N, C-alpha and C. Protein backbone atom coordinates (compact mmCIF):
# COMPACT_ATOMS: atom_id res chain seq x y z
N MET A 1 -18.49 21.06 60.25
CA MET A 1 -18.90 20.16 61.31
C MET A 1 -19.94 20.87 62.17
N LYS A 2 -20.88 20.10 62.66
CA LYS A 2 -21.95 20.64 63.49
C LYS A 2 -21.75 20.19 64.93
N TYR A 3 -22.09 21.10 65.85
CA TYR A 3 -22.01 20.77 67.27
C TYR A 3 -23.20 19.89 67.65
N ARG A 4 -22.92 18.78 68.35
CA ARG A 4 -23.96 17.87 68.83
C ARG A 4 -24.04 18.04 70.35
N PRO A 5 -25.00 18.85 70.81
CA PRO A 5 -25.06 19.18 72.24
C PRO A 5 -25.17 17.97 73.17
N ARG A 6 -25.92 16.96 72.74
CA ARG A 6 -26.07 15.79 73.60
C ARG A 6 -24.73 15.07 73.78
N LEU A 7 -23.95 14.99 72.70
CA LEU A 7 -22.64 14.32 72.75
C LEU A 7 -21.52 15.26 73.21
N LYS A 8 -21.78 16.56 73.13
CA LYS A 8 -20.80 17.60 73.47
C LYS A 8 -19.55 17.53 72.59
N ILE A 9 -19.76 17.19 71.32
CA ILE A 9 -18.68 17.17 70.34
C ILE A 9 -19.19 17.72 69.01
N TYR A 10 -18.25 18.06 68.17
CA TYR A 10 -18.58 18.42 66.79
C TYR A 10 -18.40 17.16 65.95
N LYS A 11 -19.33 16.99 64.98
CA LYS A 11 -19.24 15.82 64.10
C LYS A 11 -19.49 16.28 62.68
N GLY A 12 -18.76 15.65 61.76
CA GLY A 12 -19.00 15.87 60.35
C GLY A 12 -20.28 15.17 59.94
N ASN A 13 -20.78 15.49 58.75
CA ASN A 13 -22.05 14.91 58.27
C ASN A 13 -22.06 13.40 58.29
N ASN A 14 -20.95 12.78 57.97
CA ASN A 14 -20.94 11.31 57.94
C ASN A 14 -20.51 10.70 59.27
N GLY A 15 -20.22 11.54 60.25
CA GLY A 15 -19.86 11.04 61.58
C GLY A 15 -18.45 10.50 61.70
N LYS A 16 -17.68 10.55 60.63
CA LYS A 16 -16.33 10.00 60.64
C LYS A 16 -15.29 11.05 61.06
N ASN A 17 -15.71 12.29 61.16
CA ASN A 17 -14.82 13.38 61.55
C ASN A 17 -15.37 13.98 62.84
N THR A 18 -14.58 13.93 63.91
CA THR A 18 -15.08 14.43 65.19
C THR A 18 -14.07 15.38 65.83
N PHE A 19 -14.62 16.31 66.61
CA PHE A 19 -13.78 17.23 67.38
C PHE A 19 -14.42 17.41 68.75
N ASN A 20 -13.64 17.12 69.79
CA ASN A 20 -14.10 17.29 71.16
C ASN A 20 -13.49 18.58 71.70
N PRO A 21 -14.29 19.63 71.91
CA PRO A 21 -13.73 20.90 72.38
C PRO A 21 -13.20 20.83 73.81
N ASP A 22 -13.70 19.89 74.61
CA ASP A 22 -13.22 19.77 75.99
C ASP A 22 -11.78 19.25 76.04
N THR A 23 -11.50 18.23 75.25
CA THR A 23 -10.15 17.66 75.21
C THR A 23 -9.30 18.29 74.11
N PHE A 24 -9.95 19.04 73.23
CA PHE A 24 -9.34 19.67 72.06
C PHE A 24 -8.62 18.63 71.19
N VAL A 25 -9.36 17.57 70.87
CA VAL A 25 -8.85 16.49 70.03
C VAL A 25 -9.78 16.30 68.84
N ALA A 26 -9.20 16.33 67.63
CA ALA A 26 -9.96 16.03 66.42
C ALA A 26 -9.47 14.70 65.88
N LYS A 27 -10.43 13.86 65.48
CA LYS A 27 -10.08 12.53 64.97
C LYS A 27 -10.76 12.30 63.63
N SER A 28 -10.05 11.59 62.80
CA SER A 28 -10.62 11.10 61.55
C SER A 28 -10.81 9.60 61.72
N TYR A 29 -12.01 9.13 61.42
CA TYR A 29 -12.34 7.70 61.56
C TYR A 29 -12.13 7.18 62.98
N ASP A 30 -12.35 8.03 63.97
CA ASP A 30 -12.30 7.67 65.38
C ASP A 30 -10.96 7.13 65.88
N TRP A 31 -9.90 7.23 65.10
CA TRP A 31 -8.62 6.74 65.61
C TRP A 31 -7.44 7.63 65.21
N TRP A 32 -7.50 8.29 64.05
CA TRP A 32 -6.34 9.06 63.59
C TRP A 32 -6.45 10.49 64.11
N VAL A 33 -5.72 10.79 65.18
CA VAL A 33 -5.76 12.12 65.80
C VAL A 33 -4.93 13.07 64.94
N TYR A 34 -5.59 14.14 64.47
CA TYR A 34 -4.86 15.09 63.63
C TYR A 34 -4.85 16.51 64.20
N VAL A 35 -5.59 16.73 65.28
CA VAL A 35 -5.51 18.01 66.01
C VAL A 35 -5.56 17.69 67.49
N ARG A 36 -4.67 18.33 68.22
CA ARG A 36 -4.72 18.24 69.68
C ARG A 36 -3.90 19.38 70.27
N LYS A 37 -4.18 19.67 71.52
CA LYS A 37 -3.39 20.67 72.24
C LYS A 37 -2.29 19.95 73.00
N ILE A 38 -1.10 20.49 72.87
CA ILE A 38 0.03 19.98 73.63
C ILE A 38 0.63 21.17 74.36
N ASN A 39 0.62 21.12 75.67
CA ASN A 39 1.10 22.22 76.51
C ASN A 39 0.49 23.56 76.10
N GLY A 40 -0.81 23.54 75.83
CA GLY A 40 -1.53 24.77 75.52
C GLY A 40 -1.44 25.22 74.07
N GLN A 41 -0.67 24.56 73.26
CA GLN A 41 -0.49 24.94 71.85
C GLN A 41 -1.28 24.00 70.94
N ILE A 42 -2.01 24.57 69.99
CA ILE A 42 -2.78 23.76 69.05
C ILE A 42 -1.83 23.20 68.00
N ILE A 43 -1.79 21.88 67.90
CA ILE A 43 -0.97 21.19 66.90
C ILE A 43 -1.92 20.58 65.88
N PHE A 44 -1.67 20.84 64.61
CA PHE A 44 -2.52 20.37 63.52
C PHE A 44 -1.66 19.57 62.55
N ASN A 45 -1.96 18.28 62.46
CA ASN A 45 -1.22 17.41 61.53
C ASN A 45 -1.91 17.49 60.18
N ASP A 46 -1.26 18.14 59.21
CA ASP A 46 -1.89 18.27 57.90
C ASP A 46 -1.31 17.31 56.87
N TYR A 47 -0.79 16.18 57.36
CA TYR A 47 -0.32 15.13 56.45
C TYR A 47 -1.51 14.62 55.63
N ASN A 48 -1.30 14.43 54.33
CA ASN A 48 -2.35 13.99 53.43
C ASN A 48 -2.50 12.47 53.52
N TYR A 49 -3.17 12.02 54.55
CA TYR A 49 -3.31 10.59 54.83
C TYR A 49 -4.20 9.90 53.79
N SER A 50 -5.31 10.53 53.46
CA SER A 50 -6.22 9.99 52.45
C SER A 50 -7.10 11.14 51.95
N VAL A 51 -7.83 10.90 50.89
CA VAL A 51 -8.72 11.93 50.35
C VAL A 51 -9.77 12.32 51.38
N THR A 52 -10.35 11.34 52.03
CA THR A 52 -11.39 11.62 53.02
C THR A 52 -10.82 12.37 54.22
N THR A 53 -9.69 11.92 54.71
CA THR A 53 -9.07 12.60 55.85
C THR A 53 -8.67 14.03 55.47
N ASN A 54 -8.24 14.21 54.24
CA ASN A 54 -7.91 15.55 53.76
C ASN A 54 -9.16 16.44 53.83
N GLN A 55 -10.30 15.90 53.46
CA GLN A 55 -11.56 16.66 53.57
C GLN A 55 -11.88 16.95 55.04
N HIS A 56 -11.61 15.98 55.91
CA HIS A 56 -11.82 16.20 57.34
C HIS A 56 -10.94 17.35 57.84
N GLN A 57 -9.70 17.38 57.38
CA GLN A 57 -8.78 18.43 57.80
C GLN A 57 -9.27 19.81 57.35
N TRP A 58 -9.75 19.90 56.10
CA TRP A 58 -10.28 21.17 55.61
C TRP A 58 -11.48 21.60 56.44
N SER A 59 -12.33 20.67 56.78
CA SER A 59 -13.50 20.96 57.60
C SER A 59 -13.07 21.48 58.97
N MET A 60 -12.04 20.87 59.53
CA MET A 60 -11.55 21.28 60.85
C MET A 60 -10.92 22.67 60.79
N LYS A 61 -10.21 22.96 59.71
CA LYS A 61 -9.64 24.31 59.55
C LYS A 61 -10.75 25.35 59.55
N SER A 62 -11.82 25.05 58.83
CA SER A 62 -12.98 25.97 58.80
C SER A 62 -13.58 26.13 60.20
N LEU A 63 -13.71 25.02 60.93
CA LEU A 63 -14.26 25.08 62.27
C LEU A 63 -13.38 25.92 63.20
N LEU A 64 -12.06 25.73 63.11
CA LEU A 64 -11.16 26.53 63.95
C LEU A 64 -11.33 28.02 63.67
N LYS A 65 -11.48 28.37 62.40
CA LYS A 65 -11.72 29.79 62.03
C LYS A 65 -13.03 30.27 62.64
N GLU A 66 -14.09 29.44 62.53
CA GLU A 66 -15.40 29.79 63.11
C GLU A 66 -15.30 30.00 64.62
N LEU A 67 -14.45 29.22 65.27
CA LEU A 67 -14.29 29.31 66.72
C LEU A 67 -13.38 30.47 67.12
N GLY A 68 -12.87 31.21 66.13
CA GLY A 68 -12.09 32.42 66.41
C GLY A 68 -10.59 32.23 66.44
N TYR A 69 -10.09 31.09 66.00
CA TYR A 69 -8.65 30.86 65.98
C TYR A 69 -8.06 31.35 64.66
N ASN A 70 -6.89 31.95 64.75
CA ASN A 70 -6.16 32.39 63.57
C ASN A 70 -5.19 31.26 63.20
N LEU A 71 -5.40 30.67 62.03
CA LEU A 71 -4.58 29.51 61.63
C LEU A 71 -3.10 29.87 61.52
N ASN A 72 -2.79 31.11 61.17
CA ASN A 72 -1.38 31.50 61.01
C ASN A 72 -0.69 31.79 62.34
N LYS A 73 -1.45 32.20 63.34
CA LYS A 73 -0.84 32.59 64.62
C LYS A 73 -1.06 31.57 65.74
N ASP A 74 -2.25 30.98 65.76
CA ASP A 74 -2.63 30.14 66.90
C ASP A 74 -2.35 28.65 66.70
N VAL A 75 -2.01 28.25 65.49
CA VAL A 75 -1.89 26.83 65.18
C VAL A 75 -0.50 26.52 64.62
N ILE A 76 0.08 25.42 65.09
CA ILE A 76 1.34 24.93 64.53
C ILE A 76 1.00 23.72 63.68
N PHE A 77 1.38 23.79 62.41
CA PHE A 77 1.12 22.70 61.49
C PHE A 77 2.33 21.78 61.43
N VAL A 78 2.06 20.49 61.50
CA VAL A 78 3.11 19.49 61.34
C VAL A 78 2.68 18.54 60.22
N ASP A 79 3.64 17.83 59.69
CA ASP A 79 3.36 16.90 58.59
C ASP A 79 3.97 15.56 58.98
N GLN A 80 3.16 14.72 59.60
CA GLN A 80 3.67 13.41 60.02
C GLN A 80 2.66 12.33 59.68
N ARG A 81 3.18 11.19 59.31
CA ARG A 81 2.32 10.06 58.93
C ARG A 81 1.56 9.50 60.12
N ALA A 82 2.19 9.57 61.27
CA ALA A 82 1.60 8.98 62.48
C ALA A 82 0.53 9.89 63.06
N SER A 83 -0.39 9.28 63.77
CA SER A 83 -1.41 10.01 64.50
C SER A 83 -0.74 10.84 65.61
N LEU A 84 -1.39 11.91 66.01
CA LEU A 84 -0.87 12.74 67.11
C LEU A 84 -1.19 12.14 68.48
N THR A 85 -1.67 10.91 68.51
CA THR A 85 -2.05 10.26 69.76
C THR A 85 -0.90 10.31 70.77
N ASP A 86 0.31 10.02 70.31
CA ASP A 86 1.47 9.99 71.21
C ASP A 86 2.32 11.25 71.11
N GLY A 87 1.83 12.28 70.47
CA GLY A 87 2.58 13.52 70.34
C GLY A 87 3.11 13.71 68.93
N ILE A 88 4.12 14.54 68.82
CA ILE A 88 4.65 14.94 67.52
C ILE A 88 5.86 14.07 67.17
N ASP A 89 5.86 13.60 65.95
CA ASP A 89 6.96 12.79 65.43
C ASP A 89 7.92 13.74 64.69
N LEU A 90 9.15 13.83 65.15
CA LEU A 90 10.11 14.75 64.53
C LEU A 90 10.79 14.18 63.28
N GLU A 91 10.61 12.89 63.01
CA GLU A 91 11.31 12.28 61.87
C GLU A 91 11.04 12.98 60.54
N PRO A 92 9.77 13.32 60.20
CA PRO A 92 9.55 13.99 58.91
C PRO A 92 10.27 15.33 58.80
N LEU A 93 10.30 16.08 59.90
CA LEU A 93 11.00 17.36 59.87
C LEU A 93 12.51 17.17 59.71
N TYR A 94 13.06 16.22 60.48
CA TYR A 94 14.50 15.95 60.35
C TYR A 94 14.82 15.38 58.97
N SER A 95 13.92 14.58 58.43
CA SER A 95 14.13 14.02 57.10
C SER A 95 14.24 15.13 56.07
N SER A 96 13.30 16.08 56.10
CA SER A 96 13.34 17.21 55.17
C SER A 96 14.59 18.06 55.40
N LEU A 97 14.92 18.32 56.66
CA LEU A 97 16.08 19.13 56.99
C LEU A 97 17.36 18.49 56.46
N ILE A 98 17.57 17.22 56.75
CA ILE A 98 18.79 16.52 56.34
C ILE A 98 18.88 16.44 54.82
N LEU A 99 17.76 16.15 54.17
CA LEU A 99 17.75 16.07 52.70
C LEU A 99 18.11 17.42 52.08
N ASN A 100 17.58 18.49 52.62
CA ASN A 100 17.93 19.83 52.12
C ASN A 100 19.40 20.14 52.35
N GLU A 101 19.94 19.72 53.50
CA GLU A 101 21.36 19.94 53.77
C GLU A 101 22.23 19.14 52.80
N ILE A 102 21.82 17.91 52.49
CA ILE A 102 22.55 17.08 51.53
C ILE A 102 22.55 17.76 50.16
N ARG A 103 21.37 18.23 49.74
CA ARG A 103 21.25 18.87 48.43
C ARG A 103 22.03 20.18 48.37
N LEU A 104 22.06 20.92 49.47
CA LEU A 104 22.81 22.17 49.51
C LEU A 104 24.31 21.91 49.37
N ALA A 105 24.77 20.80 49.93
CA ALA A 105 26.20 20.46 49.88
C ALA A 105 26.64 20.04 48.47
N LYS A 106 25.69 19.58 47.65
CA LYS A 106 26.03 19.16 46.28
C LYS A 106 26.28 20.39 45.41
N SER A 107 27.14 20.22 44.43
CA SER A 107 27.39 21.33 43.51
C SER A 107 26.40 21.27 42.35
N GLY A 108 26.30 22.36 41.62
CA GLY A 108 25.49 22.37 40.42
C GLY A 108 24.15 23.07 40.55
N GLN A 109 23.80 23.56 41.75
CA GLN A 109 22.53 24.27 41.88
C GLN A 109 22.68 25.73 41.46
N THR A 110 21.58 26.28 41.02
CA THR A 110 21.56 27.71 40.71
C THR A 110 21.56 28.48 42.03
N LYS A 111 21.84 29.76 41.93
CA LYS A 111 21.85 30.60 43.12
C LYS A 111 20.46 30.64 43.76
N ALA A 112 19.42 30.68 42.92
CA ALA A 112 18.04 30.69 43.43
C ALA A 112 17.73 29.41 44.19
N THR A 113 18.16 28.27 43.65
CA THR A 113 17.93 26.99 44.32
C THR A 113 18.64 26.95 45.67
N LYS A 114 19.89 27.41 45.68
CA LYS A 114 20.64 27.44 46.95
C LYS A 114 19.93 28.32 47.97
N ASN A 115 19.45 29.49 47.54
CA ASN A 115 18.74 30.39 48.46
C ASN A 115 17.47 29.74 48.99
N ASP A 116 16.74 29.03 48.12
CA ASP A 116 15.53 28.33 48.56
C ASP A 116 15.87 27.25 49.59
N LEU A 117 16.94 26.51 49.35
CA LEU A 117 17.35 25.46 50.29
C LEU A 117 17.74 26.07 51.64
N ILE A 118 18.48 27.17 51.60
CA ILE A 118 18.89 27.83 52.84
C ILE A 118 17.67 28.31 53.62
N LYS A 119 16.70 28.92 52.94
CA LYS A 119 15.46 29.38 53.60
C LYS A 119 14.72 28.20 54.22
N SER A 120 14.62 27.11 53.46
CA SER A 120 13.91 25.93 53.94
C SER A 120 14.60 25.34 55.17
N ILE A 121 15.93 25.29 55.15
CA ILE A 121 16.69 24.76 56.28
C ILE A 121 16.45 25.60 57.53
N LYS A 122 16.49 26.93 57.38
CA LYS A 122 16.25 27.82 58.53
C LYS A 122 14.85 27.62 59.08
N LYS A 123 13.86 27.50 58.18
CA LYS A 123 12.46 27.32 58.61
C LYS A 123 12.30 25.99 59.35
N LEU A 124 12.89 24.92 58.81
CA LEU A 124 12.77 23.61 59.45
C LEU A 124 13.44 23.60 60.82
N LYS A 125 14.61 24.23 60.95
CA LYS A 125 15.29 24.29 62.25
C LYS A 125 14.43 25.05 63.26
N SER A 126 13.79 26.12 62.81
CA SER A 126 12.93 26.90 63.69
C SER A 126 11.72 26.06 64.12
N GLU A 127 11.12 25.31 63.19
CA GLU A 127 9.98 24.46 63.52
C GLU A 127 10.37 23.38 64.53
N ILE A 128 11.53 22.77 64.31
CA ILE A 128 11.98 21.73 65.24
C ILE A 128 12.19 22.31 66.63
N LYS A 129 12.80 23.48 66.68
CA LYS A 129 13.05 24.14 67.98
C LYS A 129 11.72 24.45 68.68
N THR A 130 10.74 24.95 67.93
CA THR A 130 9.43 25.27 68.49
C THR A 130 8.74 24.01 69.01
N ILE A 131 8.77 22.95 68.22
CA ILE A 131 8.11 21.70 68.62
C ILE A 131 8.78 21.11 69.84
N ARG A 132 10.11 21.15 69.91
CA ARG A 132 10.81 20.62 71.10
C ARG A 132 10.45 21.40 72.35
N ARG A 133 10.21 22.72 72.16
CA ARG A 133 9.82 23.56 73.29
C ARG A 133 8.41 23.20 73.76
N ILE A 134 7.52 22.93 72.81
CA ILE A 134 6.12 22.63 73.14
C ILE A 134 5.95 21.21 73.65
N ASP A 135 6.53 20.26 72.95
CA ASP A 135 6.32 18.84 73.27
C ASP A 135 7.64 18.24 73.75
N LYS A 136 7.80 18.15 75.06
CA LYS A 136 9.04 17.62 75.65
C LYS A 136 9.25 16.16 75.29
N ASN A 137 8.20 15.46 74.86
CA ASN A 137 8.32 14.05 74.48
C ASN A 137 8.81 13.88 73.05
N ALA A 138 8.85 14.98 72.29
CA ALA A 138 9.31 14.91 70.89
C ALA A 138 10.83 14.83 70.89
N LYS A 139 11.33 13.64 70.72
CA LYS A 139 12.78 13.43 70.77
C LYS A 139 13.24 12.77 69.49
N PHE A 140 14.49 13.06 69.14
CA PHE A 140 15.13 12.43 67.98
C PHE A 140 16.61 12.40 68.29
N SER A 141 17.14 11.22 68.55
CA SER A 141 18.50 11.09 69.05
C SER A 141 19.54 11.35 67.95
N ALA A 142 20.77 11.55 68.39
CA ALA A 142 21.89 11.76 67.45
C ALA A 142 22.09 10.51 66.59
N LYS A 143 21.90 9.33 67.17
CA LYS A 143 22.02 8.09 66.39
C LYS A 143 20.94 8.02 65.32
N GLN A 144 19.71 8.40 65.68
CA GLN A 144 18.63 8.42 64.69
C GLN A 144 18.96 9.39 63.55
N LYS A 145 19.53 10.55 63.89
CA LYS A 145 19.92 11.53 62.86
C LYS A 145 20.98 10.95 61.94
N ARG A 146 22.00 10.30 62.53
CA ARG A 146 23.07 9.70 61.71
C ARG A 146 22.52 8.62 60.78
N ASP A 147 21.68 7.75 61.33
CA ASP A 147 21.09 6.68 60.52
C ASP A 147 20.23 7.25 59.40
N LEU A 148 19.45 8.27 59.72
CA LEU A 148 18.59 8.90 58.72
C LEU A 148 19.43 9.58 57.64
N LYS A 149 20.52 10.22 58.05
CA LYS A 149 21.39 10.88 57.07
C LYS A 149 22.01 9.86 56.12
N THR A 150 22.47 8.74 56.66
CA THR A 150 23.05 7.68 55.82
C THR A 150 22.03 7.18 54.81
N LEU A 151 20.83 6.92 55.28
CA LEU A 151 19.76 6.45 54.39
C LEU A 151 19.44 7.48 53.31
N LEU A 152 19.29 8.74 53.71
CA LEU A 152 18.92 9.79 52.75
C LEU A 152 20.04 10.07 51.75
N GLU A 153 21.29 9.96 52.19
CA GLU A 153 22.41 10.13 51.24
C GLU A 153 22.37 9.04 50.18
N THR A 154 22.09 7.80 50.60
CA THR A 154 21.99 6.69 49.66
C THR A 154 20.84 6.92 48.67
N ILE A 155 19.68 7.31 49.19
CA ILE A 155 18.51 7.55 48.34
C ILE A 155 18.79 8.70 47.36
N GLU A 156 19.39 9.77 47.85
CA GLU A 156 19.68 10.93 46.99
C GLU A 156 20.69 10.58 45.91
N ASN A 157 21.72 9.82 46.27
CA ASN A 157 22.71 9.40 45.27
C ASN A 157 22.08 8.52 44.20
N GLU A 158 21.19 7.61 44.63
CA GLU A 158 20.49 6.76 43.66
C GLU A 158 19.58 7.59 42.76
N ARG A 159 18.92 8.59 43.32
CA ARG A 159 18.05 9.47 42.53
C ARG A 159 18.86 10.23 41.50
N LEU A 160 19.99 10.78 41.93
CA LEU A 160 20.85 11.53 41.00
C LEU A 160 21.41 10.62 39.90
N GLU A 161 21.83 9.42 40.27
CA GLU A 161 22.36 8.49 39.27
C GLU A 161 21.28 8.09 38.27
N SER A 162 20.07 7.89 38.75
CA SER A 162 18.95 7.56 37.86
C SER A 162 18.68 8.72 36.89
N ALA A 163 18.73 9.95 37.40
CA ALA A 163 18.52 11.12 36.53
C ALA A 163 19.64 11.22 35.50
N ARG A 164 20.87 10.95 35.92
CA ARG A 164 22.01 10.99 34.98
C ARG A 164 21.85 9.92 33.90
N GLU A 165 21.41 8.72 34.30
CA GLU A 165 21.22 7.63 33.35
C GLU A 165 20.14 7.99 32.32
N LYS A 166 19.05 8.58 32.78
CA LYS A 166 17.98 9.00 31.87
C LYS A 166 18.49 10.06 30.91
N ALA A 167 19.31 10.98 31.41
CA ALA A 167 19.88 12.02 30.55
C ALA A 167 20.81 11.41 29.50
N ARG A 168 21.61 10.41 29.91
CA ARG A 168 22.50 9.73 28.94
C ARG A 168 21.68 9.01 27.87
N GLU A 169 20.62 8.32 28.28
CA GLU A 169 19.75 7.63 27.32
C GLU A 169 19.12 8.62 26.34
N TYR A 170 18.67 9.75 26.87
CA TYR A 170 18.05 10.77 26.02
C TYR A 170 19.05 11.31 24.99
N ARG A 171 20.28 11.59 25.45
CA ARG A 171 21.31 12.11 24.53
C ARG A 171 21.65 11.07 23.46
N ALA A 172 21.72 9.79 23.84
CA ALA A 172 22.02 8.73 22.88
C ALA A 172 20.90 8.63 21.83
N LYS A 173 19.66 8.66 22.26
CA LYS A 173 18.53 8.60 21.32
C LYS A 173 18.52 9.82 20.40
N ARG A 174 18.85 10.96 20.97
CA ARG A 174 18.88 12.19 20.17
C ARG A 174 19.96 12.12 19.10
N LYS A 175 21.13 11.57 19.45
CA LYS A 175 22.21 11.43 18.47
C LYS A 175 21.78 10.52 17.33
N VAL A 176 21.10 9.42 17.68
CA VAL A 176 20.62 8.49 16.65
C VAL A 176 19.63 9.20 15.72
N LEU A 177 18.71 9.95 16.30
CA LEU A 177 17.73 10.67 15.49
C LEU A 177 18.40 11.72 14.60
N GLU A 178 19.37 12.43 15.17
CA GLU A 178 20.08 13.45 14.37
C GLU A 178 20.84 12.80 13.23
N ALA A 179 21.48 11.67 13.49
CA ALA A 179 22.22 10.96 12.44
C ALA A 179 21.27 10.47 11.37
N THR A 180 20.13 9.93 11.79
CA THR A 180 19.13 9.46 10.83
C THR A 180 18.63 10.62 9.98
N TYR A 181 18.36 11.74 10.60
CA TYR A 181 17.88 12.92 9.88
C TYR A 181 18.93 13.39 8.87
N ARG A 182 20.21 13.44 9.31
CA ARG A 182 21.30 13.86 8.40
C ARG A 182 21.41 12.91 7.21
N ASN A 183 21.35 11.61 7.48
CA ASN A 183 21.43 10.61 6.40
C ASN A 183 20.29 10.78 5.42
N GLU A 184 19.06 10.98 5.94
CA GLU A 184 17.91 11.17 5.06
C GLU A 184 18.04 12.46 4.27
N ALA A 185 18.54 13.51 4.92
CA ALA A 185 18.73 14.78 4.22
C ALA A 185 19.77 14.64 3.12
N ASN A 186 20.88 13.94 3.42
CA ASN A 186 21.92 13.73 2.40
C ASN A 186 21.39 12.86 1.26
N SER A 187 20.57 11.86 1.58
CA SER A 187 19.99 10.99 0.53
C SER A 187 19.08 11.81 -0.37
N THR A 188 18.29 12.68 0.23
CA THR A 188 17.38 13.53 -0.55
C THR A 188 18.15 14.46 -1.46
N LYS A 189 19.27 15.01 -0.95
CA LYS A 189 20.12 15.88 -1.79
C LYS A 189 20.71 15.08 -2.95
N ALA A 190 21.17 13.88 -2.67
CA ALA A 190 21.78 13.04 -3.72
C ALA A 190 20.76 12.71 -4.81
N ILE A 191 19.53 12.44 -4.41
CA ILE A 191 18.49 12.10 -5.38
C ILE A 191 18.12 13.30 -6.23
N SER A 192 18.06 14.47 -5.61
CA SER A 192 17.66 15.67 -6.34
C SER A 192 18.74 16.18 -7.28
N ILE A 193 19.98 15.77 -7.09
CA ILE A 193 21.06 16.23 -7.97
C ILE A 193 21.02 15.43 -9.20
């Protein structure tokens, strides 16, 4: 993005990606806010909204580096479908957290998978805590958590049942193929004798 001194903003070549250094707000298509400062902290929404917006986000990451910001230390990345216009939406983080907790509670995972889930859960809890500290408006009630957990348990159970059904279908087809192969092999032996 290039700085436009007359406008006092940075703009991408096509003008659809803008960053105002005074307000510290970056927008894609003049409405989807994906970077803003909240209580002095740079929040960067890296949700993959569209191919073009994804390109805008990459351009903004480059600009932040040019301006001397360290993306690993100075920026908090969030992944939310909504624009940052009204702040940070905690639902995607809670959704990932609850889903990982549901999967951890299920049996049948390898030790490596369980360790990955535990690491992810700790990271998500830390991110939620950080975001709540930064953005006092970022709220997610106990009722919202319960409702989300109920929904995610239903979705996860349906996903597992679908995977089980596909596995049963695969085993049934394999048995038919094995039986056909055995019959053909026995027929070939009978003919050759």
